[in-house]
PDB file of N, CA and C in Angstrom:
ATOM      1  N   MET A   1     -20.701  -8.958  -3.702  1.00  0.00           N
ATOM      2  CA  MET A   1     -20.647  -9.564  -2.424  1.00  0.00           C
ATOM      3  C   MET A   1     -19.470 -10.149  -2.127  1.00  0.00           C
ATOM      4  N   HIS A   2     -18.681 -10.770  -3.065  1.00  0.00           N
ATOM      5  CA  HIS A   2     -17.377 -11.565  -2.674  1.00  0.00           C
ATOM      6  C   HIS A   2     -16.446 -10.611  -2.194  1.00  0.00           C
ATOM      7  N   SER A   3     -16.258  -9.596  -3.226  1.00  0.00           N
ATOM      8  CA  SER A   3     -15.083  -8.497  -2.871  1.00  0.00           C
ATOM      9  C   SER A   3     -15.464  -7.825  -1.564  1.00  0.00           C
ATOM     10  N   TYR A   4     -16.763  -7.555  -1.103  1.00  0.00           N
ATOM     11  CA  TYR A   4     -17.003  -6.789   0.165  1.00  0.00           C
ATOM     12  C   TYR A   4     -16.631  -7.844   1.416  1.00  0.00           C
ATOM     13  N   LEU A   5     -16.819  -9.053   1.268  1.00  0.00           N
ATOM     14  CA  LEU A   5     -16.374 -10.057   2.257  1.00  0.00           C
ATOM     15  C   LEU A   5     -14.900 -10.176   2.324  1.00  0.00           C
ATOM     16  N   THR A   6     -14.343 -10.078   1.122  1.00  0.00           N
ATOM     17  CA  THR A   6     -12.563 -10.226   0.940  1.00  0.00           C
ATOM     18  C   THR A   6     -12.232  -8.720   1.821  1.00  0.00           C
ATOM     19  N   VAL A   7     -12.555  -7.753   1.565  1.00  0.00           N
ATOM     20  CA  VAL A   7     -12.223  -6.512   2.171  1.00  0.00           C
ATOM     21  C   VAL A   7     -12.598  -6.588   3.678  1.00  0.00           C
ATOM     22  N   SER A   8     -13.592  -7.017   3.954  1.00  0.00           N
ATOM     23  CA  SER A   8     -13.936  -7.066   5.350  1.00  0.00           C
ATOM     24  C   SER A   8     -12.971  -7.850   6.149  1.00  0.00           C
ATOM     25  N   ALA A   9     -12.984  -8.873   5.567  1.00  0.00           N
ATOM     26  CA  ALA A   9     -11.657 -10.006   6.169  1.00  0.00           C
ATOM     27  C   ALA A   9     -10.475  -9.243   6.251  1.00  0.00           C
ATOM     28  N   LEU A  10     -10.023  -8.667   5.304  1.00  0.00           N
ATOM     29  CA  LEU A  10      -8.617  -7.745   5.245  1.00  0.00           C
ATOM     30  C   LEU A  10      -8.525  -7.001   6.471  1.00  0.00           C
ATOM     31  N   VAL A  11      -9.784  -6.109   6.583  1.00  0.00           N
ATOM     32  CA  VAL A  11      -9.866  -5.080   7.669  1.00  0.00           C
ATOM     33  C   VAL A  11      -9.856  -5.635   9.130  1.00  0.00           C
ATOM     34  N   LEU A  12     -10.529  -6.723   9.329  1.00  0.00           N
ATOM     35  CA  LEU A  12     -10.433  -7.589  10.383  1.00  0.00           C
ATOM     36  C   LEU A  12      -9.045  -8.190  10.952  1.00  0.00           C
ATOM     37  N   ALA A  13      -8.343  -8.464   9.842  1.00  0.00           N
ATOM     38  CA  ALA A  13      -7.191  -9.278  10.112  1.00  0.00           C
ATOM     39  C   ALA A  13      -6.052  -8.221  10.476  1.00  0.00           C
ATOM     40  N   LEU A  14      -6.444  -6.965   9.769  1.00  0.00           N
ATOM     41  CA  LEU A  14      -5.079  -5.587  10.112  1.00  0.00           C
ATOM     42  C   LEU A  14      -5.288  -5.452  11.474  1.00  0.00           C
ATOM     43  N   CYS A  15      -6.863  -5.285  11.840  1.00  0.00           N
ATOM     44  CA  CYS A  15      -7.077  -4.963  13.478  1.00  0.00           C
ATOM     45  C   CYS A  15      -6.924  -6.077  14.273  1.00  0.00           C
ATOM     46  N   SER A  16      -7.050  -7.039  14.011  1.00  0.00           N
ATOM     47  CA  SER A  16      -6.279  -8.372  15.167  1.00  0.00           C
ATOM     48  C   SER A  16      -4.992  -8.043  14.995  1.00  0.00           C
ATOM     49  N   ALA A  17      -4.257  -8.044  14.120  1.00  0.00           N
ATOM     50  CA  ALA A  17      -2.772  -7.906  14.022  1.00  0.00           C
ATOM     51  C   ALA A  17      -2.325  -6.772  14.824  1.00  0.00           C
ATOM     52  N   SER A  18      -2.788  -5.600  14.716  1.00  0.00           N
ATOM     53  CA  SER A  18      -2.458  -4.543  15.259  1.00  0.00           C
ATOM     54  C   SER A  18      -2.298  -4.283  16.639  1.00  0.00           C
ATOM     55  N   ALA A  19      -3.707  -5.092  17.329  1.00  0.00           N
ATOM     56  CA  ALA A  19      -3.872  -5.131  18.456  1.00  0.00           C
ATOM     57  C   ALA A  19      -2.953  -5.690  19.467  1.00  0.00           C
ATOM     58  N   THR A  20      -2.199  -6.793  19.003  1.00  0.00           N
ATOM     59  CA  THR A  20      -0.973  -7.519  19.627  1.00  0.00           C
ATOM     60  C   THR A  20       0.175  -6.855  19.505  1.00  0.00           C
ATOM     61  N   GLN A  21       0.390  -5.763  18.869  1.00  0.00           N
ATOM     62  CA  GLN A  21       1.788  -5.149  18.754  1.00  0.00           C
ATOM     63  C   GLN A  21       1.806  -3.979  19.428  1.00  0.00           C
ATOM     64  N   ALA A  22       2.920  -3.438  19.706  1.00  0.00           N
ATOM     65  CA  ALA A  22       2.989  -1.888  20.252  1.00  0.00           C
ATOM     66  C   ALA A  22       2.417  -0.905  19.227  1.00  0.00           C
ATOM     67  N   GLN A  23       2.058   0.194  19.710  1.00  0.00           N
ATOM     68  CA  GLN A  23       1.601   1.143  18.809  1.00  0.00           C
ATOM     69  C   GLN A  23       2.813   1.905  18.336  1.00  0.00           C
ATOM     70  N   VAL A  24       2.666   2.253  16.774  1.00  0.00           N
ATOM     71  CA  VAL A  24       3.915   2.590  16.138  1.00  0.00           C
ATOM     72  C   VAL A  24       3.260   3.572  15.073  1.00  0.00           C
ATOM     73  N   THR A  25       4.037   4.758  15.065  1.00  0.00           N
ATOM     74  CA  THR A  25       3.478   5.713  13.820  1.00  0.00           C
ATOM     75  C   THR A  25       4.507   5.742  12.885  1.00  0.00           C
ATOM     76  N   ILE A  26       4.051   6.094  11.739  1.00  0.00           N
ATOM     77  CA  ILE A  26       4.899   6.030  10.411  1.00  0.00           C
ATOM     78  C   ILE A  26       4.440   7.182   9.644  1.00  0.00           C
ATOM     79  N   ASP A  27       5.386   8.046   9.329  1.00  0.00           N
ATOM     80  CA  ASP A  27       5.180   8.867   8.239  1.00  0.00           C
ATOM     81  C   ASP A  27       5.248   8.529   7.042  1.00  0.00           C
ATOM     82  N   ALA A  28       3.955   8.175   6.125  1.00  0.00           N
ATOM     83  CA  ALA A  28       3.856   7.649   5.001  1.00  0.00           C
ATOM     84  C   ALA A  28       4.704   8.173   4.047  1.00  0.00           C
ATOM     85  N   THR A  29       5.046   9.408   4.006  1.00  0.00           N
ATOM     86  CA  THR A  29       5.798  10.139   3.022  1.00  0.00           C
ATOM     87  C   THR A  29       7.341   9.982   3.084  1.00  0.00           C
ATOM     88  N   LYS A  30       7.598   9.273   3.921  1.00  0.00           N
ATOM     89  CA  LYS A  30       9.192   8.896   4.318  1.00  0.00           C
ATOM     90  C   LYS A  30       9.565   7.578   4.050  1.00  0.00           C
ATOM     91  N   ILE A  31       8.655   6.758   3.831  1.00  0.00           N
ATOM     92  CA  ILE A  31       8.756   5.461   3.401  1.00  0.00           C
ATOM     93  C   ILE A  31       9.235   5.089   2.155  1.00  0.00           C
ATOM     94  N   THR A  32      10.607   4.693   2.051  1.00  0.00           N
ATOM     95  CA  THR A  32      11.249   4.358   0.675  1.00  0.00           C
ATOM     96  C   THR A  32      10.648   2.936   0.005  1.00  0.00           C
ATOM     97  N   CYS A  33      11.279   3.302  -1.090  1.00  0.00           N
ATOM     98  CA  CYS A  33      11.172   1.893  -1.857  1.00  0.00           C
ATOM     99  C   CYS A  33      11.860   0.616  -1.327  1.00  0.00           C
ATOM    100  N   ASP A  34      13.057   0.856  -0.804  1.00  0.00           N
ATOM    101  CA  ASP A  34      13.787  -0.191  -0.136  1.00  0.00           C
ATOM    102  C   ASP A  34      13.120  -0.619   1.162  1.00  0.00           C
ATOM    103  N   GLN A  35      12.403   0.333   1.906  1.00  0.00           N
ATOM    104  CA  GLN A  35      11.648  -0.071   3.169  1.00  0.00           C
ATOM    105  C   GLN A  35      10.552  -1.081   2.853  1.00  0.00           C
ATOM    106  N   PHE A  36       9.934  -0.452   1.698  1.00  0.00           N
ATOM    107  CA  PHE A  36       8.382  -1.133   1.227  1.00  0.00           C
ATOM    108  C   PHE A  36       8.908  -2.448   0.866  1.00  0.00           C
ATOM    109  N   VAL A  37       9.714  -2.727  -0.076  1.00  0.00           N
ATOM    110  CA  VAL A  37       9.828  -4.236  -0.327  1.00  0.00           C
ATOM    111  C   VAL A  37      10.757  -5.048   0.398  1.00  0.00           C
ATOM    112  N   HIS A  38      11.405  -4.606   1.199  1.00  0.00           N
ATOM    113  CA  HIS A  38      12.162  -5.467   2.131  1.00  0.00           C
ATOM    114  C   HIS A  38      11.465  -5.315   3.467  1.00  0.00           C
ATOM    115  N   HIS A  39      10.130  -5.204   3.739  1.00  0.00           N
ATOM    116  CA  HIS A  39       9.379  -5.452   4.766  1.00  0.00           C
ATOM    117  C   HIS A  39       9.777  -4.764   6.237  1.00  0.00           C
ATOM    118  N   LYS A  40      10.553  -3.600   5.923  1.00  0.00           N
ATOM    119  CA  LYS A  40      11.041  -2.904   6.938  1.00  0.00           C
ATOM    120  C   LYS A  40       9.976  -1.985   7.665  1.00  0.00           C
ATOM    121  N   VAL A  41       8.789  -1.636   7.092  1.00  0.00           N
ATOM    122  CA  VAL A  41       7.638  -0.998   7.746  1.00  0.00           C
ATOM    123  C   VAL A  41       6.483  -2.047   7.691  1.00  0.00           C
ATOM    124  N   GLY A  42       6.575  -3.104   7.771  1.00  0.00           N
ATOM    125  CA  GLY A  42       5.519  -4.155   7.503  1.00  0.00           C
ATOM    126  C   GLY A  42       5.359  -4.808   6.124  1.00  0.00           C
ATOM    127  N   GLU A  43       4.258  -5.480   6.054  1.00  0.00           N
ATOM    128  CA  GLU A  43       3.839  -6.361   5.064  1.00  0.00           C
ATOM    129  C   GLU A  43       3.785  -5.490   3.741  1.00  0.00           C
ATOM    130  N   PRO A  44       4.118  -5.589   2.591  1.00  0.00           N
ATOM    131  CA  PRO A  44       4.016  -4.675   1.294  1.00  0.00           C
ATOM    132  C   PRO A  44       2.634  -4.573   1.143  1.00  0.00           C
ATOM    133  N   THR A  45       1.869  -5.741   1.252  1.00  0.00           N
ATOM    134  CA  THR A  45       0.245  -5.862   1.186  1.00  0.00           C
ATOM    135  C   THR A  45      -0.349  -4.949   2.014  1.00  0.00           C
ATOM    136  N   VAL A  46      -0.149  -4.831   3.050  1.00  0.00           N
ATOM    137  CA  VAL A  46      -0.664  -3.860   4.196  1.00  0.00           C
ATOM    138  C   VAL A  46      -0.379  -2.494   3.890  1.00  0.00           C
ATOM    139  N   THR A  47       0.907  -2.288   3.411  1.00  0.00           N
ATOM    140  CA  THR A  47       1.406  -0.719   2.947  1.00  0.00           C
ATOM    141  C   THR A  47       0.574  -0.346   1.694  1.00  0.00           C
ATOM    142  N   GLY A  48       0.582  -1.352   0.807  1.00  0.00           N
ATOM    143  CA  GLY A  48       0.094  -1.284  -0.385  1.00  0.00           C
ATOM    144  C   GLY A  48      -1.748  -0.616  -0.330  1.00  0.00           C
ATOM    145  N   ALA A  49      -2.338  -1.582   0.659  1.00  0.00           N
ATOM    146  CA  ALA A  49      -3.866  -1.148   1.160  1.00  0.00           C
ATOM    147  C   ALA A  49      -3.886   0.146   1.628  1.00  0.00           C
ATOM    148  N   TRP A  50      -2.911   0.593   2.499  1.00  0.00           N
ATOM    149  CA  TRP A  50      -3.169   1.937   3.122  1.00  0.00           C
ATOM    150  C   TRP A  50      -3.067   2.873   1.843  1.00  0.00           C
ATOM    151  N   LEU A  51      -1.967   2.785   1.155  1.00  0.00           N
ATOM    152  CA  LEU A  51      -1.680   3.594  -0.087  1.00  0.00           C
ATOM    153  C   LEU A  51      -2.726   3.618  -1.247  1.00  0.00           C
ATOM    154  N   SER A  52      -3.584   2.755  -1.615  1.00  0.00           N
ATOM    155  CA  SER A  52      -4.676   2.302  -2.317  1.00  0.00           C
ATOM    156  C   SER A  52      -5.818   3.405  -1.463  1.00  0.00           C
ATOM    157  N   GLY A  53      -6.122   3.115  -0.087  1.00  0.00           N
ATOM    158  CA  GLY A  53      -7.131   3.940   0.290  1.00  0.00           C
ATOM    159  C   GLY A  53      -6.790   5.356   0.319  1.00  0.00           C
ATOM    160  N   PHE A  54      -5.641   5.681   0.642  1.00  0.00           N
ATOM    161  CA  PHE A  54      -5.180   7.249   0.499  1.00  0.00           C
ATOM    162  C   PHE A  54      -5.447   7.774  -0.821  1.00  0.00           C
ATOM    163  N   TYR A  55      -4.760   7.213  -1.667  1.00  0.00           N
ATOM    164  CA  TYR A  55      -5.256   7.638  -3.122  1.00  0.00           C
ATOM    165  C   TYR A  55      -6.653   7.654  -3.571  1.00  0.00           C
ATOM    166  N   HIS A  56      -7.382   6.528  -3.269  1.00  0.00           N
ATOM    167  CA  HIS A  56      -8.789   6.377  -3.720  1.00  0.00           C
ATOM    168  C   HIS A  56      -9.599   7.688  -2.924  1.00  0.00           C
ATOM    169  N   GLY A  57      -9.091   7.862  -1.557  1.00  0.00           N
ATOM    170  CA  GLY A  57      -9.790   9.221  -0.912  1.00  0.00           C
ATOM    171  C   GLY A  57      -9.279  10.532  -1.521  1.00  0.00           C
ATOM    172  N   LYS A  58      -8.421  10.643  -1.992  1.00  0.00           N
ATOM    173  CA  LYS A  58      -7.755  11.809  -2.814  1.00  0.00           C
ATOM    174  C   LYS A  58      -8.766  12.054  -4.057  1.00  0.00           C
ATOM    175  N   ARG A  59      -8.995  11.072  -4.527  1.00  0.00           N
ATOM    176  CA  ARG A  59     -10.102  10.972  -5.693  1.00  0.00           C
ATOM    177  C   ARG A  59     -11.433  10.994  -5.381  1.00  0.00           C
ATOM    178  N   ASP A  60     -11.818  10.843  -4.106  1.00  0.00           N
ATOM    179  CA  ASP A  60     -13.140  10.741  -3.816  1.00  0.00           C
ATOM    180  C   ASP A  60     -13.838   9.646  -4.125  1.00  0.00           C
ATOM    181  N   SER A  61     -13.042   8.372  -4.648  1.00  0.00           N
ATOM    182  CA  SER A  61     -13.320   6.948  -5.051  1.00  0.00           C
ATOM    183  C   SER A  61     -13.920   6.107  -3.994  1.00  0.00           C
ATOM    184  N   ARG A  62     -14.944   5.490  -3.664  1.00  0.00           N
ATOM    185  CA  ARG A  62     -15.421   4.581  -3.017  1.00  0.00           C
ATOM    186  C   ARG A  62     -15.393   3.116  -3.290  1.00  0.00           C
ATOM    187  N   ILE A  63     -14.924   3.097  -4.845  1.00  0.00           N
ATOM    188  CA  ILE A  63     -14.750   1.738  -5.370  1.00  0.00           C
ATOM    189  C   ILE A  63     -13.456   1.093  -5.051  1.00  0.00           C
ATOM    190  N   ILE A  64     -13.643  -0.328  -4.624  1.00  0.00           N
ATOM    191  CA  ILE A  64     -12.267  -1.048  -4.687  1.00  0.00           C
ATOM    192  C   ILE A  64     -12.545  -2.012  -5.668  1.00  0.00           C
ATOM    193  N   ASP A  65     -11.404  -2.094  -6.426  1.00  0.00           N
ATOM    194  CA  ASP A  65     -11.216  -3.060  -7.661  1.00  0.00           C
ATOM    195  C   ASP A  65     -10.122  -4.114  -7.228  1.00  0.00           C
ATOM    196  N   LEU A  66     -10.268  -5.345  -6.552  1.00  0.00           N
ATOM    197  CA  LEU A  66      -9.431  -6.077  -6.136  1.00  0.00           C
ATOM    198  C   LEU A  66      -8.433  -6.310  -7.199  1.00  0.00           C
ATOM    199  N   GLN A  67      -8.978  -6.683  -8.374  1.00  0.00           N
ATOM    200  CA  GLN A  67      -7.922  -7.136  -9.402  1.00  0.00           C
ATOM    201  C   GLN A  67      -6.843  -5.833  -9.839  1.00  0.00           C
ATOM    202  N   ASP A  68      -7.520  -4.742  -9.671  1.00  0.00           N
ATOM    203  CA  ASP A  68      -6.850  -3.546 -10.105  1.00  0.00           C
ATOM    204  C   ASP A  68      -5.721  -3.449  -9.044  1.00  0.00           C
ATOM    205  N   PHE A  69      -6.120  -3.641  -7.742  1.00  0.00           N
ATOM    206  CA  PHE A  69      -5.333  -3.357  -6.574  1.00  0.00           C
ATOM    207  C   PHE A  69      -3.984  -4.425  -6.652  1.00  0.00           C
ATOM    208  N   LYS A  70      -4.421  -5.886  -6.872  1.00  0.00           N
ATOM    209  CA  LYS A  70      -3.260  -6.779  -7.036  1.00  0.00           C
ATOM    210  C   LYS A  70      -2.237  -6.458  -8.101  1.00  0.00           C
ATOM    211  N   GLU A  71      -2.942  -5.971  -9.165  1.00  0.00           N
ATOM    212  CA  GLU A  71      -1.978  -5.615 -10.256  1.00  0.00           C
ATOM    213  C   GLU A  71      -1.063  -4.342 -10.069  1.00  0.00           C
ATOM    214  N   ASN A  72      -1.824  -3.418  -9.553  1.00  0.00           N
ATOM    215  CA  ASN A  72      -1.017  -2.227  -9.104  1.00  0.00           C
ATOM    216  C   ASN A  72       0.101  -2.564  -7.839  1.00  0.00           C
ATOM    217  N   LEU A  73      -0.275  -3.466  -7.172  1.00  0.00           N
ATOM    218  CA  LEU A  73       0.657  -3.935  -6.040  1.00  0.00           C
ATOM    219  C   LEU A  73       1.870  -4.413  -6.549  1.00  0.00           C
ATOM    220  N   SER A  74       1.722  -5.540  -7.655  1.00  0.00           N
ATOM    221  CA  SER A  74       2.633  -6.103  -8.299  1.00  0.00           C
ATOM    222  C   SER A  74       3.552  -5.111  -9.178  1.00  0.00           C
ATOM    223  N   LYS A  75       3.214  -4.085  -9.803  1.00  0.00           N
ATOM    224  CA  LYS A  75       3.724  -3.088 -10.471  1.00  0.00           C
ATOM    225  C   LYS A  75       4.744  -2.298  -9.429  1.00  0.00           C
ATOM    226  N   LEU A  76       3.929  -1.988  -8.514  1.00  0.00           N
ATOM    227  CA  LEU A  76       4.850  -1.196  -7.392  1.00  0.00           C
ATOM    228  C   LEU A  76       5.803  -2.117  -6.912  1.00  0.00           C
ATOM    229  N   GLU A  77       5.565  -3.271  -6.535  1.00  0.00           N
ATOM    230  CA  GLU A  77       6.740  -3.970  -5.862  1.00  0.00           C
ATOM    231  C   GLU A  77       7.837  -4.071  -6.776  1.00  0.00           C
ATOM    232  N   PHE A  78       7.591  -4.598  -8.133  1.00  0.00           N
ATOM    233  CA  PHE A  78       8.565  -4.876  -9.197  1.00  0.00           C
ATOM    234  C   PHE A  78       9.508  -3.434  -9.287  1.00  0.00           C
ATOM    235  N   PHE A  79       8.844  -2.314  -9.463  1.00  0.00           N
ATOM    236  CA  PHE A  79       9.557  -1.054  -9.735  1.00  0.00           C
ATOM    237  C   PHE A  79      10.470  -0.817  -8.445  1.00  0.00           C
ATOM    238  N   CYS A  80       9.818  -1.052  -7.268  1.00  0.00           N
ATOM    239  CA  CYS A  80      10.685  -0.725  -6.121  1.00  0.00           C
ATOM    240  C   CYS A  80      11.812  -1.753  -5.780  1.00  0.00           C
ATOM    241  N   GLN A  81      11.610  -2.904  -6.448  1.00  0.00           N
ATOM    242  CA  GLN A  81      12.935  -3.828  -6.361  1.00  0.00           C
ATOM    243  C   GLN A  81      14.033  -3.664  -6.725  1.00  0.00           C
ATOM    244  N   GLU A  82      13.934  -2.486  -7.760  1.00  0.00           N
ATOM    245  CA  GLU A  82      14.982  -2.356  -8.471  1.00  0.00           C
ATOM    246  C   GLU A  82      16.045  -1.346  -7.504  1.00  0.00           C
ATOM    247  N   GLU A  83      17.353  -1.765  -7.629  1.00  0.00           N
ATOM    248  CA  GLU A  83      18.176  -1.111  -6.582  1.00  0.00           C
ATOM    249  C   GLU A  83      18.043   0.530  -6.963  1.00  0.00           C
ATOM    250  N   LYS A  84      18.144   0.877  -8.172  1.00  0.00           N
ATOM    251  CA  LYS A  84      18.064   2.404  -8.319  1.00  0.00           C
ATOM    252  C   LYS A  84      16.966   3.241  -7.972  1.00  0.00           C
ATOM    253  N   ASN A  85      15.792   2.489  -7.422  1.00  0.00           N
ATOM    254  CA  ASN A  85      14.630   2.988  -6.956  1.00  0.00           C
ATOM    255  C   ASN A  85      14.609   2.918  -5.277  1.00  0.00           C
ATOM    256  N   PHE A  86      15.646   2.216  -4.723  1.00  0.00           N
ATOM    257  CA  PHE A  86      15.564   2.070  -3.433  1.00  0.00           C
ATOM    258  C   PHE A  86      15.324   3.402  -2.348  1.00  0.00           C
ATOM    259  N   LYS A  87      15.906   4.399  -2.743  1.00  0.00           N
ATOM    260  CA  LYS A  87      15.730   5.765  -2.131  1.00  0.00           C
ATOM    261  C   LYS A  87      14.567   6.408  -2.529  1.00  0.00           C
ATOM    262  N   LEU A  88      14.067   6.099  -3.560  1.00  0.00           N
ATOM    263  CA  LEU A  88      12.681   6.707  -3.664  1.00  0.00           C
ATOM    264  C   LEU A  88      11.503   6.738  -3.106  1.00  0.00           C
ATOM    265  N   PRO A  89      10.951   7.712  -2.560  1.00  0.00           N
ATOM    266  CA  PRO A  89       9.657   7.327  -1.519  1.00  0.00           C
ATOM    267  C   PRO A  89       8.680   6.657  -2.325  1.00  0.00           C
ATOM    268  N   VAL A  90       8.032   5.787  -1.453  1.00  0.00           N
ATOM    269  CA  VAL A  90       7.218   4.916  -2.033  1.00  0.00           C
ATOM    270  C   VAL A  90       5.992   5.546  -2.708  1.00  0.00           C
ATOM    271  N   MET A  91       5.520   6.765  -2.210  1.00  0.00           N
ATOM    272  CA  MET A  91       4.545   7.655  -2.462  1.00  0.00           C
ATOM    273  C   MET A  91       4.817   8.465  -4.032  1.00  0.00           C
ATOM    274  N   GLN A  92       5.948   8.794  -3.997  1.00  0.00           N
ATOM    275  CA  GLN A  92       6.499   9.051  -5.482  1.00  0.00           C
ATOM    276  C   GLN A  92       6.455   8.098  -6.538  1.00  0.00           C
ATOM    277  N   ALA A  93       6.886   6.771  -5.999  1.00  0.00           N
ATOM    278  CA  ALA A  93       7.033   5.917  -6.958  1.00  0.00           C
ATOM    279  C   ALA A  93       5.444   5.491  -7.358  1.00  0.00           C
ATOM    280  N   VAL A  94       4.523   5.387  -6.324  1.00  0.00           N
ATOM    281  CA  VAL A  94       3.096   5.404  -6.828  1.00  0.00           C
ATOM    282  C   VAL A  94       2.629   6.295  -7.757  1.00  0.00           C
ATOM    283  N   GLU A  95       2.915   7.567  -7.627  1.00  0.00           N
ATOM    284  CA  GLU A  95       2.535   8.562  -8.376  1.00  0.00           C
ATOM    285  C   GLU A  95       3.184   8.689  -9.788  1.00  0.00           C
ATOM    286  N   GLN A  96       4.557   8.235  -9.966  1.00  0.00           N
ATOM    287  CA  GLN A  96       5.369   7.925 -11.188  1.00  0.00           C
ATOM    288  C   GLN A  96       4.447   6.862 -11.978  1.00  0.00           C
ATOM    289  N   LEU A  97       4.219   5.536 -11.433  1.00  0.00           N
ATOM    290  CA  LEU A  97       3.833   4.359 -12.095  1.00  0.00           C
ATOM    291  C   LEU A  97       2.318   4.562 -12.354  1.00  0.00           C
ATOM    292  N   LEU A  98       1.628   5.085 -11.469  1.00  0.00           N
ATOM    293  CA  LEU A  98       0.069   4.991 -11.607  1.00  0.00           C
ATOM    294  C   LEU A  98      -0.691   6.262 -12.052  1.00  0.00           C
ATOM    295  N   GLY A  99       0.243   7.590 -11.631  1.00  0.00           N
ATOM    296  CA  GLY A  99      -0.328   8.628 -11.976  1.00  0.00           C
ATOM    297  C   GLY A  99      -1.356   9.081 -10.766  1.00  0.00           C
ATOM    298  N   ALA A 100      -1.159   8.567  -9.656  1.00  0.00           N
ATOM    299  CA  ALA A 100      -2.103   8.565  -8.462  1.00  0.00           C
ATOM    300  C   ALA A 100      -2.198   9.807  -7.943  1.00  0.00           C
ATOM    301  N   GLY A 101      -1.395  10.791  -8.006  1.00  0.00           N
ATOM    302  CA  GLY A 101      -1.615  12.038  -7.252  1.00  0.00           C
ATOM    303  C   GLY A 101      -2.212  13.095  -8.044  1.00  0.00           C
ATOM    304  N   LYS A 102      -2.734  12.764  -9.042  1.00  0.00           N
ATOM    305  CA  LYS A 102      -3.394  13.578  -9.836  1.00  0.00           C
ATOM    306  C   LYS A 102      -5.005  13.586  -9.659  1.00  0.00           C
TER     307      LYS A 102
END
């Protein structure tokens, strides 16, 4: 029940924040590690939540493990902070690190 409330609060916070800003569309396949870790496309946690939902949807998984999400987000941020990975699309980084594309 606690995880459900946390996820619900996150969704409400995202909706509230987006209501006060101009509408912007982003092609998620073009987001680079540099843009991700340096907050150029928003907060990494928000982008990470979207990525998590995308890959869970591809696997037809309806389970959200918040501990796994936090660990995977930390791995992704650490990987993307390395200058050699700045130009790598973040979705490719996720697939490299976590095998999420399979």
